[in-house]
Amino acid sequence: MYHGVYEGAAADAQEKKILILGESHHDLDSSITTQEVVEDYLSPENTTKQSLQFFHKIALAFGVDTGKVEEKARLWDKVFFGNYINRHLAKIRCSGKIGA
């Protein structure tokens, strides 16, 4: 995985493991680790940060009330997350061209 992985505190203890794969968040700052990005998302101060919307959408997909910090933390405590794609793909998604 690129720039490390996030492993929730209870992820390994789950009977059924959950692995979430994403694209790179390193368009933000390449020195930030995956662990730091998830911790930033879980911080009570960050409720609508645009750069963290991926995590918000994942939580919603699991039925989490993203307005409740405790619920977000409970979900992310149970999962493994890593960046499988080593670069941010926003330009590719918008243009349809690789390397755009």
N, C-alpha and C. Protein backbone atom coordinates (compact mmCIF):
# COMPACT_ATOMS: atom_id res chain seq x y z
N MET A 1 0.85 -1.18 0.00
CA MET A 1 0.00 0.00 0.00
C MET A 1 0.89 1.24 0.00
N TYR A 2 0.43 2.28 -0.61
CA TYR A 2 1.19 3.50 -0.72
C TYR A 2 1.02 4.36 0.53
N HIS A 3 2.12 4.80 1.08
CA HIS A 3 2.17 5.66 2.27
C HIS A 3 1.53 5.01 3.48
N GLY A 4 1.65 3.72 3.59
CA GLY A 4 1.17 3.02 4.77
C GLY A 4 -0.31 2.69 4.72
N VAL A 5 -0.77 2.09 5.80
CA VAL A 5 -2.17 1.72 5.91
C VAL A 5 -2.73 2.25 7.22
N TYR A 6 -4.04 2.29 7.26
CA TYR A 6 -4.73 2.60 8.51
C TYR A 6 -5.33 1.29 8.99
N GLU A 7 -5.03 0.94 10.22
CA GLU A 7 -5.62 -0.26 10.82
C GLU A 7 -6.37 0.18 12.06
N GLY A 8 -7.69 0.04 12.02
CA GLY A 8 -8.50 0.39 13.18
C GLY A 8 -8.10 -0.43 14.39
N ALA A 9 -8.29 0.13 15.56
CA ALA A 9 -7.86 -0.52 16.80
C ALA A 9 -8.45 -1.92 16.97
N ALA A 10 -9.67 -2.12 16.47
CA ALA A 10 -10.34 -3.42 16.63
C ALA A 10 -10.44 -4.20 15.32
N ALA A 11 -9.77 -3.73 14.29
CA ALA A 11 -9.90 -4.35 12.96
C ALA A 11 -9.48 -5.81 12.94
N ASP A 12 -8.38 -6.11 13.56
CA ASP A 12 -7.87 -7.47 13.52
C ASP A 12 -8.73 -8.43 14.34
N ALA A 13 -9.47 -7.92 15.30
CA ALA A 13 -10.29 -8.77 16.16
C ALA A 13 -11.65 -9.10 15.54
N GLN A 14 -11.99 -8.48 14.41
CA GLN A 14 -13.29 -8.72 13.78
C GLN A 14 -13.33 -10.11 13.16
N GLU A 15 -14.45 -10.79 13.32
CA GLU A 15 -14.61 -12.10 12.70
C GLU A 15 -14.53 -11.99 11.18
N LYS A 16 -15.25 -11.01 10.64
CA LYS A 16 -15.19 -10.73 9.21
C LYS A 16 -14.42 -9.44 9.03
N LYS A 17 -13.30 -9.53 8.35
CA LYS A 17 -12.42 -8.38 8.14
C LYS A 17 -12.97 -7.50 7.03
N ILE A 18 -12.78 -6.19 7.18
CA ILE A 18 -13.20 -5.23 6.17
C ILE A 18 -11.96 -4.49 5.69
N LEU A 19 -11.69 -4.58 4.39
CA LEU A 19 -10.58 -3.86 3.77
C LEU A 19 -11.17 -2.85 2.80
N ILE A 20 -10.84 -1.60 3.00
CA ILE A 20 -11.29 -0.53 2.11
C ILE A 20 -10.08 -0.04 1.34
N LEU A 21 -10.20 -0.03 0.01
CA LEU A 21 -9.12 0.44 -0.84
C LEU A 21 -9.52 1.78 -1.45
N GLY A 22 -8.58 2.68 -1.53
CA GLY A 22 -8.87 3.99 -2.09
C GLY A 22 -7.75 4.44 -3.00
N GLU A 23 -7.95 5.63 -3.54
CA GLU A 23 -6.90 6.23 -4.35
C GLU A 23 -6.09 7.17 -3.47
N SER A 24 -4.98 7.59 -3.97
CA SER A 24 -4.08 8.41 -3.20
C SER A 24 -4.71 9.72 -2.75
N HIS A 25 -4.37 10.11 -1.55
CA HIS A 25 -4.76 11.42 -1.01
C HIS A 25 -3.58 12.36 -1.07
N HIS A 26 -2.52 11.97 -1.75
CA HIS A 26 -1.27 12.71 -1.68
C HIS A 26 -1.21 13.89 -2.63
N ASP A 27 -2.33 14.26 -3.23
CA ASP A 27 -2.39 15.54 -3.91
C ASP A 27 -2.42 16.64 -2.86
N LEU A 28 -2.76 16.27 -1.62
CA LEU A 28 -2.82 17.22 -0.52
C LEU A 28 -1.42 17.56 -0.03
N ASP A 29 -0.67 16.55 0.35
CA ASP A 29 0.68 16.71 0.89
C ASP A 29 1.30 15.33 0.94
N SER A 30 2.32 15.12 0.17
CA SER A 30 2.89 13.78 0.06
C SER A 30 3.60 13.31 1.32
N SER A 31 3.79 14.18 2.30
CA SER A 31 4.45 13.76 3.53
C SER A 31 3.45 13.21 4.56
N ILE A 32 2.17 13.36 4.30
CA ILE A 32 1.15 12.91 5.24
C ILE A 32 0.89 11.42 5.03
N THR A 33 0.88 10.66 6.12
CA THR A 33 0.64 9.22 6.01
C THR A 33 -0.86 8.93 5.94
N THR A 34 -1.19 7.74 5.51
CA THR A 34 -2.58 7.30 5.45
C THR A 34 -3.19 7.32 6.85
N GLN A 35 -2.43 6.88 7.83
CA GLN A 35 -2.89 6.89 9.23
C GLN A 35 -3.28 8.31 9.64
N GLU A 36 -2.46 9.29 9.30
CA GLU A 36 -2.73 10.68 9.67
C GLU A 36 -3.98 11.23 8.97
N VAL A 37 -4.18 10.84 7.72
CA VAL A 37 -5.36 11.31 6.99
C VAL A 37 -6.64 10.80 7.63
N VAL A 38 -6.68 9.50 7.98
CA VAL A 38 -7.88 8.94 8.62
C VAL A 38 -8.09 9.58 9.99
N GLU A 39 -7.02 9.76 10.74
CA GLU A 39 -7.15 10.41 12.05
C GLU A 39 -7.66 11.84 11.91
N ASP A 40 -7.23 12.53 10.86
CA ASP A 40 -7.73 13.88 10.58
C ASP A 40 -9.24 13.84 10.32
N TYR A 41 -9.67 12.86 9.51
CA TYR A 41 -11.10 12.71 9.23
C TYR A 41 -11.89 12.47 10.52
N LEU A 42 -11.35 11.67 11.42
CA LEU A 42 -12.05 11.32 12.65
C LEU A 42 -12.02 12.43 13.70
N SER A 43 -11.23 13.44 13.49
CA SER A 43 -11.14 14.55 14.42
C SER A 43 -12.48 15.29 14.49
N PRO A 44 -12.96 15.61 15.69
CA PRO A 44 -14.24 16.32 15.83
C PRO A 44 -14.29 17.66 15.11
N GLU A 45 -13.15 18.28 14.88
CA GLU A 45 -13.12 19.58 14.21
C GLU A 45 -13.39 19.49 12.70
N ASN A 46 -13.19 18.31 12.11
CA ASN A 46 -13.33 18.15 10.67
C ASN A 46 -14.63 17.44 10.32
N THR A 47 -15.65 18.23 10.10
CA THR A 47 -16.94 17.63 9.78
C THR A 47 -17.28 17.76 8.30
N THR A 48 -16.74 18.76 7.62
CA THR A 48 -17.12 18.97 6.22
C THR A 48 -15.93 19.23 5.30
N LYS A 49 -14.73 18.94 5.73
CA LYS A 49 -13.54 19.19 4.93
C LYS A 49 -13.66 18.49 3.58
N GLN A 50 -13.62 19.23 2.51
CA GLN A 50 -13.82 18.69 1.17
C GLN A 50 -12.83 17.58 0.83
N SER A 51 -11.59 17.73 1.23
CA SER A 51 -10.58 16.74 0.89
C SER A 51 -10.81 15.39 1.57
N LEU A 52 -11.70 15.35 2.55
CA LEU A 52 -11.96 14.11 3.28
C LEU A 52 -13.32 13.50 2.94
N GLN A 53 -13.95 13.96 1.87
CA GLN A 53 -15.28 13.48 1.50
C GLN A 53 -15.30 11.99 1.17
N PHE A 54 -14.20 11.44 0.68
CA PHE A 54 -14.13 10.01 0.40
C PHE A 54 -14.48 9.21 1.65
N PHE A 55 -13.89 9.58 2.79
CA PHE A 55 -14.11 8.88 4.05
C PHE A 55 -15.55 9.06 4.52
N HIS A 56 -16.08 10.24 4.30
CA HIS A 56 -17.46 10.54 4.65
C HIS A 56 -18.41 9.63 3.85
N LYS A 57 -18.16 9.49 2.57
CA LYS A 57 -19.01 8.65 1.71
C LYS A 57 -18.93 7.18 2.11
N ILE A 58 -17.75 6.72 2.47
CA ILE A 58 -17.60 5.33 2.93
C ILE A 58 -18.43 5.12 4.19
N ALA A 59 -18.32 6.04 5.14
CA ALA A 59 -19.09 5.91 6.39
C ALA A 59 -20.59 5.89 6.09
N LEU A 60 -21.05 6.74 5.20
CA LEU A 60 -22.47 6.75 4.83
C LEU A 60 -22.89 5.41 4.22
N ALA A 61 -22.01 4.82 3.42
CA ALA A 61 -22.32 3.53 2.79
C ALA A 61 -22.53 2.43 3.83
N PHE A 62 -21.92 2.58 5.00
CA PHE A 62 -22.09 1.62 6.09
C PHE A 62 -23.21 2.03 7.04
N GLY A 63 -23.97 3.06 6.67
CA GLY A 63 -25.11 3.48 7.48
C GLY A 63 -24.74 4.30 8.70
N VAL A 64 -23.56 4.88 8.71
CA VAL A 64 -23.10 5.66 9.85
C VAL A 64 -23.68 7.07 9.80
N ASP A 65 -24.14 7.56 10.94
CA ASP A 65 -24.56 8.95 11.06
C ASP A 65 -23.29 9.77 11.18
N THR A 66 -22.86 10.36 10.07
CA THR A 66 -21.57 11.04 10.03
C THR A 66 -21.55 12.34 10.84
N GLY A 67 -22.69 12.73 11.35
CA GLY A 67 -22.73 13.88 12.23
C GLY A 67 -22.31 13.52 13.65
N LYS A 68 -22.16 12.24 13.91
CA LYS A 68 -21.79 11.77 15.25
C LYS A 68 -20.37 11.21 15.21
N VAL A 69 -19.46 11.93 15.84
CA VAL A 69 -18.05 11.54 15.84
C VAL A 69 -17.85 10.13 16.36
N GLU A 70 -18.62 9.75 17.40
CA GLU A 70 -18.47 8.42 18.00
C GLU A 70 -18.81 7.32 16.99
N GLU A 71 -19.85 7.56 16.16
CA GLU A 71 -20.25 6.55 15.18
C GLU A 71 -19.19 6.39 14.09
N LYS A 72 -18.63 7.51 13.64
CA LYS A 72 -17.56 7.43 12.63
C LYS A 72 -16.38 6.65 13.20
N ALA A 73 -16.01 6.97 14.42
CA ALA A 73 -14.87 6.30 15.05
C ALA A 73 -15.13 4.81 15.23
N ARG A 74 -16.36 4.46 15.58
CA ARG A 74 -16.70 3.04 15.78
C ARG A 74 -16.53 2.26 14.47
N LEU A 75 -16.95 2.83 13.35
CA LEU A 75 -16.76 2.17 12.06
C LEU A 75 -15.27 2.04 11.72
N TRP A 76 -14.56 3.14 11.74
CA TRP A 76 -13.17 3.14 11.31
C TRP A 76 -12.28 2.34 12.26
N ASP A 77 -12.73 2.10 13.48
CA ASP A 77 -12.00 1.23 14.40
C ASP A 77 -12.03 -0.22 13.93
N LYS A 78 -12.96 -0.57 13.07
CA LYS A 78 -13.16 -1.96 12.66
C LYS A 78 -12.62 -2.29 11.27
N VAL A 79 -11.96 -1.35 10.62
CA VAL A 79 -11.56 -1.57 9.23
C VAL A 79 -10.06 -1.41 9.02
N PHE A 80 -9.62 -1.97 7.90
CA PHE A 80 -8.29 -1.73 7.37
C PHE A 80 -8.50 -0.83 6.15
N PHE A 81 -7.64 0.16 5.95
CA PHE A 81 -7.76 1.04 4.80
C PHE A 81 -6.38 1.30 4.22
N GLY A 82 -6.30 1.26 2.91
CA GLY A 82 -5.04 1.58 2.25
C GLY A 82 -5.27 2.19 0.88
N ASN A 83 -4.26 2.88 0.41
CA ASN A 83 -4.30 3.48 -0.92
C ASN A 83 -3.71 2.50 -1.92
N TYR A 84 -4.55 1.93 -2.73
CA TYR A 84 -4.11 0.96 -3.72
C TYR A 84 -3.59 1.66 -4.97
N ILE A 85 -4.16 2.80 -5.26
CA ILE A 85 -3.76 3.58 -6.43
C ILE A 85 -2.84 4.68 -5.94
N ASN A 86 -1.64 4.77 -6.48
CA ASN A 86 -0.62 5.63 -5.89
C ASN A 86 -0.67 7.10 -6.30
N ARG A 87 -1.70 7.51 -7.01
CA ARG A 87 -1.82 8.93 -7.31
C ARG A 87 -3.29 9.32 -7.35
N HIS A 88 -3.53 10.60 -7.16
CA HIS A 88 -4.88 11.14 -7.15
C HIS A 88 -5.43 11.13 -8.57
N LEU A 89 -6.67 10.67 -8.75
CA LEU A 89 -7.22 10.47 -10.09
C LEU A 89 -8.27 11.48 -10.53
N ALA A 90 -8.41 12.59 -9.84
CA ALA A 90 -9.47 13.55 -10.17
C ALA A 90 -9.37 14.01 -11.63
N LYS A 91 -8.18 14.29 -12.10
CA LYS A 91 -8.03 14.76 -13.48
C LYS A 91 -8.41 13.68 -14.47
N ILE A 92 -8.06 12.43 -14.18
CA ILE A 92 -8.41 11.33 -15.07
C ILE A 92 -9.91 11.15 -15.12
N ARG A 93 -10.55 11.19 -13.94
CA ARG A 93 -12.01 11.02 -13.89
C ARG A 93 -12.71 12.11 -14.69
N CYS A 94 -12.22 13.33 -14.60
CA CYS A 94 -12.87 14.45 -15.27
C CYS A 94 -12.62 14.44 -16.77
N SER A 95 -11.41 14.11 -17.19
CA SER A 95 -11.06 14.21 -18.60
C SER A 95 -11.23 12.89 -19.35
N GLY A 96 -11.20 11.78 -18.62
CA GLY A 96 -11.25 10.48 -19.27
C GLY A 96 -9.93 10.06 -19.88
N LYS A 97 -8.87 10.87 -19.69
CA LYS A 97 -7.56 10.57 -20.26
C LYS A 97 -6.57 10.26 -19.15
N ILE A 98 -5.83 9.22 -19.32
CA ILE A 98 -4.76 8.90 -18.38
C ILE A 98 -3.60 9.85 -18.62
N GLY A 99 -3.07 10.39 -17.53
CA GLY A 99 -1.94 11.31 -17.62
C GLY A 99 -2.35 12.74 -17.91
N ALA A 100 -3.64 13.01 -17.87
CA ALA A 100 -4.12 14.38 -18.15
C ALA A 100 -3.77 15.31 -17.01
